[in-house]
Each structure stands twice: as structure tokens, then as C-alpha cells.
């Protein structure tokens, strides 16, 4: 574990979420564990992968920092000196198929390369 990281942001991810923001920051994905990506780190690697049962503690040295979960409207402000604990949820996430999010006509338009 790195003792101190200077970066624009931290992205925590499980393997199922690694194709989103984690991939955007690191240009890679992972299949097991808990991923921690550093946005624009001043030095060192841009990410670390920890065992799935890891519990990571992060101390904000220079803030404030803002914490937000994917698709959550809530944003939490964290002041200097505060600690955050991050770990994977004990139960797996429920994943819905694309048919739950997109009407059939929209799906066909996108599949055929036609954007609305």
C-alpha cells in the first residue's frame, strides 16, 4: 500500500464495475479483487488491485474531498484529516439486462448505427 498519493481523484471498483470509471482512468480492467485507481497521480502506478475481502482506509490529507457513488445523487464532503473506509459489499450486485433499460425500438436503432 502506498503511504501517500497525490492525485485528482480515487476510483474504487469491483470487477463488475471495472469497465466503467476504473477503465477510463487506467485503460484496463480486472477479474478479481477490489480495484483502486488514481486519477492523474503525480508519481507511481495509476492503480492497485487488492484481495476481494480487503478493507481499505483512506485519510484525506488535503481537502476538502467529495465522495459519490455511481448513480447516486448524494455527494458527501470530507474535510482534512478525516478517514474513509472502503470495502466491497458482502452480497453481489443484481445486474439487469439491457431490455430493462431500453425500449426495443431504441435498441434496434442503436444496433443498426442510428443515433437518436
N, C-alpha and C. Protein backbone atom coordinates (compact mmCIF):
# COMPACT_ATOMS: atom_id res chain seq x y z
N UNK A 1 0.84 -1.18 0.00
CA UNK A 1 0.00 0.00 0.00
C UNK A 1 0.89 1.24 0.00
N UNK A 2 0.50 2.21 -0.80
CA UNK A 2 1.28 3.44 -0.88
C UNK A 2 0.97 4.33 0.32
N UNK A 3 2.01 4.89 0.95
CA UNK A 3 1.78 5.71 2.14
C UNK A 3 1.10 7.04 1.82
N UNK A 4 1.36 7.60 0.64
CA UNK A 4 0.76 8.88 0.28
C UNK A 4 0.67 8.97 -1.23
N UNK A 5 -0.46 9.45 -1.71
CA UNK A 5 -0.68 9.59 -3.15
C UNK A 5 -1.25 10.98 -3.41
N UNK A 6 -0.67 11.67 -4.36
CA UNK A 6 -1.21 12.96 -4.80
C UNK A 6 -1.88 12.68 -6.14
N UNK A 7 -3.21 12.86 -6.17
CA UNK A 7 -3.97 12.55 -7.38
C UNK A 7 -5.23 13.43 -7.42
N UNK A 8 -5.83 13.52 -8.61
CA UNK A 8 -7.06 14.29 -8.76
C UNK A 8 -8.26 13.59 -8.13
N UNK A 9 -8.25 12.26 -8.19
CA UNK A 9 -9.37 11.50 -7.66
C UNK A 9 -8.96 10.06 -7.38
N UNK A 10 -9.78 9.38 -6.62
CA UNK A 10 -9.63 7.95 -6.38
C UNK A 10 -10.89 7.28 -6.90
N UNK A 11 -10.73 6.16 -7.56
CA UNK A 11 -11.87 5.39 -8.06
C UNK A 11 -11.75 3.99 -7.48
N UNK A 12 -12.76 3.58 -6.72
CA UNK A 12 -12.80 2.23 -6.17
C UNK A 12 -13.76 1.42 -7.01
N UNK A 13 -13.40 0.16 -7.26
CA UNK A 13 -14.24 -0.65 -8.14
C UNK A 13 -14.14 -2.13 -7.80
N UNK A 14 -15.22 -2.84 -8.05
CA UNK A 14 -15.21 -4.30 -8.05
C UNK A 14 -15.01 -4.72 -9.50
N UNK A 15 -14.78 -6.00 -9.78
CA UNK A 15 -14.61 -6.43 -11.18
C UNK A 15 -15.79 -6.07 -12.06
N UNK A 16 -17.01 -6.18 -11.54
CA UNK A 16 -18.18 -5.88 -12.39
C UNK A 16 -18.26 -4.41 -12.75
N UNK A 17 -17.66 -3.53 -11.95
CA UNK A 17 -17.66 -2.11 -12.26
C UNK A 17 -16.38 -1.64 -12.93
N UNK A 18 -15.45 -2.55 -13.17
CA UNK A 18 -14.14 -2.12 -13.68
C UNK A 18 -14.16 -1.70 -15.14
N UNK A 19 -15.25 -1.92 -15.84
CA UNK A 19 -15.32 -1.47 -17.23
C UNK A 19 -15.83 -0.04 -17.35
N UNK A 20 -16.10 0.61 -16.24
CA UNK A 20 -16.59 1.98 -16.25
C UNK A 20 -15.50 2.97 -15.95
N UNK A 21 -15.62 3.70 -14.85
CA UNK A 21 -14.65 4.73 -14.50
C UNK A 21 -13.26 4.16 -14.27
N UNK A 22 -13.17 2.98 -13.70
CA UNK A 22 -11.85 2.37 -13.47
C UNK A 22 -11.12 2.22 -14.79
N UNK A 23 -11.80 1.72 -15.81
CA UNK A 23 -11.18 1.56 -17.13
C UNK A 23 -10.85 2.91 -17.76
N UNK A 24 -11.69 3.90 -17.51
CA UNK A 24 -11.45 5.24 -18.04
C UNK A 24 -10.16 5.83 -17.47
N UNK A 25 -9.88 5.56 -16.20
CA UNK A 25 -8.68 6.09 -15.56
C UNK A 25 -7.45 5.26 -15.90
N UNK A 26 -7.58 3.92 -15.91
CA UNK A 26 -6.41 3.05 -16.04
C UNK A 26 -6.21 2.46 -17.43
N UNK A 27 -7.23 2.51 -18.27
CA UNK A 27 -7.22 1.86 -19.59
C UNK A 27 -7.17 0.34 -19.47
N UNK A 28 -7.60 -0.19 -18.32
CA UNK A 28 -7.60 -1.63 -18.10
C UNK A 28 -8.74 -2.07 -17.22
N UNK A 29 -8.97 -3.37 -17.15
CA UNK A 29 -9.98 -3.95 -16.29
C UNK A 29 -9.32 -5.04 -15.44
N UNK A 30 -10.08 -5.61 -14.52
CA UNK A 30 -9.57 -6.72 -13.73
C UNK A 30 -10.70 -7.70 -13.46
N UNK A 31 -10.35 -8.94 -13.12
CA UNK A 31 -11.34 -10.00 -12.95
C UNK A 31 -11.59 -10.39 -11.50
N UNK A 32 -10.68 -10.07 -10.60
CA UNK A 32 -10.84 -10.45 -9.19
C UNK A 32 -10.33 -9.34 -8.29
N UNK A 33 -10.95 -9.20 -7.13
CA UNK A 33 -10.44 -8.29 -6.13
C UNK A 33 -11.18 -6.97 -6.05
N UNK A 34 -10.52 -6.00 -5.44
CA UNK A 34 -11.03 -4.65 -5.27
C UNK A 34 -10.01 -3.71 -5.89
N UNK A 35 -10.44 -2.93 -6.86
CA UNK A 35 -9.53 -2.04 -7.58
C UNK A 35 -9.55 -0.63 -7.03
N UNK A 36 -8.37 -0.03 -7.01
CA UNK A 36 -8.21 1.36 -6.60
C UNK A 36 -7.42 2.06 -7.70
N UNK A 37 -8.06 2.99 -8.39
CA UNK A 37 -7.41 3.74 -9.46
C UNK A 37 -7.16 5.17 -8.99
N UNK A 38 -6.01 5.71 -9.39
CA UNK A 38 -5.63 7.08 -9.04
C UNK A 38 -5.73 7.94 -10.29
N UNK A 39 -6.55 8.98 -10.24
CA UNK A 39 -6.68 9.88 -11.39
C UNK A 39 -5.52 10.86 -11.44
N UNK A 40 -4.74 10.82 -12.50
CA UNK A 40 -3.59 11.70 -12.69
C UNK A 40 -2.63 11.72 -11.50
N UNK A 41 -2.12 10.56 -11.10
CA UNK A 41 -1.20 10.54 -9.95
C UNK A 41 0.11 11.26 -10.28
N UNK A 42 0.67 11.93 -9.30
CA UNK A 42 1.92 12.66 -9.50
C UNK A 42 3.10 11.71 -9.74
N UNK A 43 3.05 10.52 -9.14
CA UNK A 43 4.12 9.55 -9.33
C UNK A 43 3.57 8.15 -9.05
N UNK A 44 4.24 7.16 -9.55
CA UNK A 44 3.85 5.77 -9.30
C UNK A 44 2.79 5.27 -10.25
N UNK A 45 2.34 4.07 -9.97
CA UNK A 45 1.34 3.41 -10.80
C UNK A 45 -0.01 4.12 -10.69
N UNK A 46 -0.84 3.94 -11.72
CA UNK A 46 -2.16 4.56 -11.74
C UNK A 46 -3.22 3.72 -11.05
N UNK A 47 -2.86 2.50 -10.59
CA UNK A 47 -3.87 1.68 -9.92
C UNK A 47 -3.22 0.60 -9.07
N UNK A 48 -4.04 0.01 -8.19
CA UNK A 48 -3.65 -1.14 -7.39
C UNK A 48 -4.86 -2.07 -7.30
N UNK A 49 -4.61 -3.38 -7.27
CA UNK A 49 -5.67 -4.36 -7.09
C UNK A 49 -5.42 -5.08 -5.76
N UNK A 50 -6.43 -5.14 -4.92
CA UNK A 50 -6.34 -5.76 -3.60
C UNK A 50 -7.22 -7.01 -3.56
N UNK A 51 -6.98 -7.92 -2.62
CA UNK A 51 -7.86 -9.08 -2.47
C UNK A 51 -9.31 -8.62 -2.25
N UNK A 52 -10.26 -9.43 -2.69
CA UNK A 52 -11.68 -9.06 -2.63
C UNK A 52 -12.17 -8.74 -1.23
N UNK A 53 -11.60 -9.36 -0.23
CA UNK A 53 -12.07 -9.13 1.14
C UNK A 53 -11.31 -7.99 1.84
N UNK A 54 -10.58 -7.19 1.09
CA UNK A 54 -9.80 -6.10 1.68
C UNK A 54 -10.70 -5.00 2.23
N UNK A 55 -10.17 -4.35 3.23
CA UNK A 55 -10.82 -3.18 3.81
C UNK A 55 -9.78 -2.07 3.76
N UNK A 56 -10.00 -1.07 2.92
CA UNK A 56 -9.02 -0.01 2.71
C UNK A 56 -9.39 1.22 3.53
N UNK A 57 -8.40 1.81 4.17
CA UNK A 57 -8.61 3.04 4.92
C UNK A 57 -7.85 4.16 4.23
N UNK A 58 -8.56 5.22 3.93
CA UNK A 58 -8.00 6.37 3.22
C UNK A 58 -8.09 7.59 4.14
N UNK A 59 -7.00 8.31 4.30
CA UNK A 59 -7.02 9.54 5.09
C UNK A 59 -6.88 10.71 4.13
N UNK A 60 -7.76 11.67 4.25
CA UNK A 60 -7.72 12.87 3.41
C UNK A 60 -6.72 13.84 4.03
N UNK A 61 -5.62 14.07 3.33
CA UNK A 61 -4.58 14.96 3.84
C UNK A 61 -4.81 16.40 3.44
N UNK A 62 -5.33 16.60 2.25
CA UNK A 62 -5.57 17.97 1.77
C UNK A 62 -6.91 17.98 1.06
N UNK A 63 -7.87 18.61 1.63
CA UNK A 63 -9.22 18.58 1.08
C UNK A 63 -9.76 19.99 0.93
N UNK A 64 -11.05 20.09 0.85
CA UNK A 64 -11.97 19.00 1.10
C UNK A 64 -12.03 18.03 -0.08
N UNK A 65 -12.51 16.84 0.22
CA UNK A 65 -12.74 15.83 -0.81
C UNK A 65 -14.25 15.61 -0.91
N UNK A 66 -14.68 15.17 -2.06
CA UNK A 66 -16.09 14.89 -2.26
C UNK A 66 -16.24 13.42 -2.63
N UNK A 67 -17.18 12.74 -2.00
CA UNK A 67 -17.38 11.31 -2.20
C UNK A 67 -18.75 11.09 -2.82
N UNK A 68 -18.77 10.31 -3.89
CA UNK A 68 -20.04 10.00 -4.54
C UNK A 68 -19.98 8.58 -5.09
N UNK A 69 -21.08 7.87 -4.96
CA UNK A 69 -21.18 6.52 -5.54
C UNK A 69 -21.85 6.62 -6.90
N UNK A 70 -21.48 5.72 -7.78
CA UNK A 70 -22.02 5.70 -9.14
C UNK A 70 -23.55 5.68 -9.10
N UNK A 71 -24.17 6.53 -9.85
CA UNK A 71 -25.62 6.66 -9.97
C UNK A 71 -26.31 7.07 -8.68
N UNK A 72 -25.60 7.69 -7.77
CA UNK A 72 -26.21 8.18 -6.54
C UNK A 72 -26.25 9.70 -6.59
N UNK A 73 -27.37 10.30 -6.24
CA UNK A 73 -27.44 11.76 -6.24
C UNK A 73 -26.75 12.39 -5.03
N UNK A 74 -26.43 11.58 -4.02
CA UNK A 74 -25.82 12.11 -2.81
C UNK A 74 -24.33 12.35 -3.00
N UNK A 75 -23.86 13.50 -2.51
CA UNK A 75 -22.45 13.84 -2.52
C UNK A 75 -22.08 14.22 -1.09
N UNK A 76 -21.01 13.62 -0.57
CA UNK A 76 -20.57 13.88 0.80
C UNK A 76 -19.26 14.65 0.77
N UNK A 77 -19.18 15.67 1.59
CA UNK A 77 -17.97 16.47 1.70
C UNK A 77 -17.15 15.93 2.87
N UNK A 78 -15.85 15.68 2.63
CA UNK A 78 -14.96 15.14 3.65
C UNK A 78 -13.83 16.14 3.89
N UNK A 79 -13.65 16.53 5.12
CA UNK A 79 -12.64 17.53 5.47
C UNK A 79 -11.26 16.92 5.67
N UNK A 80 -10.25 17.78 5.71
CA UNK A 80 -8.88 17.36 6.01
C UNK A 80 -8.83 16.53 7.29
N UNK A 81 -7.98 15.51 7.27
CA UNK A 81 -7.78 14.69 8.45
C UNK A 81 -8.78 13.58 8.65
N UNK A 82 -9.89 13.59 7.93
CA UNK A 82 -10.91 12.55 8.07
C UNK A 82 -10.47 11.28 7.36
N UNK A 83 -10.97 10.16 7.83
CA UNK A 83 -10.65 8.85 7.24
C UNK A 83 -11.89 8.23 6.63
N UNK A 84 -11.69 7.58 5.51
CA UNK A 84 -12.75 6.84 4.84
C UNK A 84 -12.37 5.37 4.81
N UNK A 85 -13.33 4.50 5.01
CA UNK A 85 -13.10 3.07 4.90
C UNK A 85 -13.88 2.55 3.71
N UNK A 86 -13.21 1.79 2.86
CA UNK A 86 -13.84 1.25 1.65
C UNK A 86 -13.67 -0.26 1.63
N UNK A 87 -14.76 -0.95 1.33
CA UNK A 87 -14.70 -2.40 1.16
C UNK A 87 -15.85 -2.81 0.25
N UNK A 88 -15.73 -3.98 -0.34
CA UNK A 88 -16.80 -4.48 -1.21
C UNK A 88 -17.99 -4.87 -0.34
N UNK A 89 -19.18 -4.75 -0.89
CA UNK A 89 -20.39 -5.15 -0.19
C UNK A 89 -20.37 -6.67 0.01
N UNK A 90 -20.96 -7.16 1.09
CA UNK A 90 -20.92 -8.60 1.35
C UNK A 90 -21.75 -9.42 0.37
N UNK A 91 -22.74 -8.83 -0.26
CA UNK A 91 -23.56 -9.57 -1.21
C UNK A 91 -23.31 -9.06 -2.62
N UNK A 92 -23.44 -9.93 -3.63
CA UNK A 92 -23.21 -9.49 -5.01
C UNK A 92 -24.32 -8.55 -5.49
N UNK A 93 -23.98 -7.72 -6.44
CA UNK A 93 -24.94 -6.78 -7.03
C UNK A 93 -25.89 -7.51 -7.96
N UNK A 94 -27.10 -7.01 -8.06
CA UNK A 94 -28.05 -7.55 -9.03
C UNK A 94 -27.83 -6.81 -10.35
N UNK A 95 -27.71 -7.55 -11.43
CA UNK A 95 -27.49 -6.96 -12.74
C UNK A 95 -28.70 -7.24 -13.60
N UNK A 96 -29.25 -6.19 -14.19
CA UNK A 96 -30.41 -6.32 -15.05
C UNK A 96 -29.97 -6.29 -16.50
N UNK A 97 -30.68 -7.00 -17.35
CA UNK A 97 -30.37 -7.00 -18.78
C UNK A 97 -30.74 -5.69 -19.43
N UNK A 98 -30.20 -5.47 -20.61
CA UNK A 98 -30.44 -4.21 -21.31
C UNK A 98 -31.92 -3.97 -21.60
N UNK A 99 -32.71 -5.05 -21.73
CA UNK A 99 -34.14 -4.86 -22.02
C UNK A 99 -34.85 -4.11 -20.89
N UNK A 100 -34.30 -4.14 -19.71
CA UNK A 100 -34.90 -3.41 -18.59
C UNK A 100 -34.63 -1.91 -18.69
N UNK A 101 -33.64 -1.50 -19.47
CA UNK A 101 -33.25 -0.10 -19.55
C UNK A 101 -33.57 0.59 -20.88
N UNK A 102 -33.90 -0.16 -21.89
CA UNK A 102 -34.04 0.43 -23.21
C UNK A 102 -35.24 -0.19 -23.94
N UNK A 103 -36.02 0.64 -24.58
CA UNK A 103 -37.14 0.12 -25.34
C UNK A 103 -36.62 -0.63 -26.57
N UNK A 104 -37.39 -1.55 -27.08
CA UNK A 104 -36.98 -2.39 -28.22
C UNK A 104 -36.62 -1.55 -29.44
N UNK A 105 -37.39 -0.52 -29.72
CA UNK A 105 -37.12 0.33 -30.89
C UNK A 105 -35.77 1.06 -30.75
N UNK A 106 -35.47 1.55 -29.54
CA UNK A 106 -34.19 2.23 -29.30
C UNK A 106 -33.03 1.25 -29.48
N UNK A 107 -33.21 0.04 -28.98
CA UNK A 107 -32.17 -0.98 -29.12
C UNK A 107 -31.88 -1.24 -30.60
N UNK A 108 -32.92 -1.40 -31.40
CA UNK A 108 -32.73 -1.69 -32.82
C UNK A 108 -32.07 -0.52 -33.54
N UNK A 109 -32.47 0.72 -33.19
CA UNK A 109 -31.85 1.89 -33.80
C UNK A 109 -30.36 1.94 -33.50
N UNK A 110 -29.99 1.74 -32.25
CA UNK A 110 -28.57 1.78 -31.87
C UNK A 110 -27.79 0.63 -32.48
N UNK A 111 -28.36 -0.55 -32.51
CA UNK A 111 -27.68 -1.72 -33.08
C UNK A 111 -27.39 -1.50 -34.56
N UNK A 112 -28.28 -0.80 -35.23
CA UNK A 112 -28.10 -0.52 -36.65
C UNK A 112 -27.32 0.75 -36.91
N UNK A 113 -26.77 1.35 -35.86
CA UNK A 113 -25.91 2.52 -36.01
C UNK A 113 -26.62 3.84 -36.17
N UNK A 114 -27.89 3.88 -35.86
CA UNK A 114 -28.66 5.11 -35.98
C UNK A 114 -28.83 5.70 -34.59
N UNK A 115 -28.34 6.91 -34.39
CA UNK A 115 -28.42 7.56 -33.08
C UNK A 115 -29.62 8.51 -33.06
N UNK A 116 -30.25 8.58 -31.91
CA UNK A 116 -31.40 9.50 -31.77
C UNK A 116 -30.93 10.88 -31.46
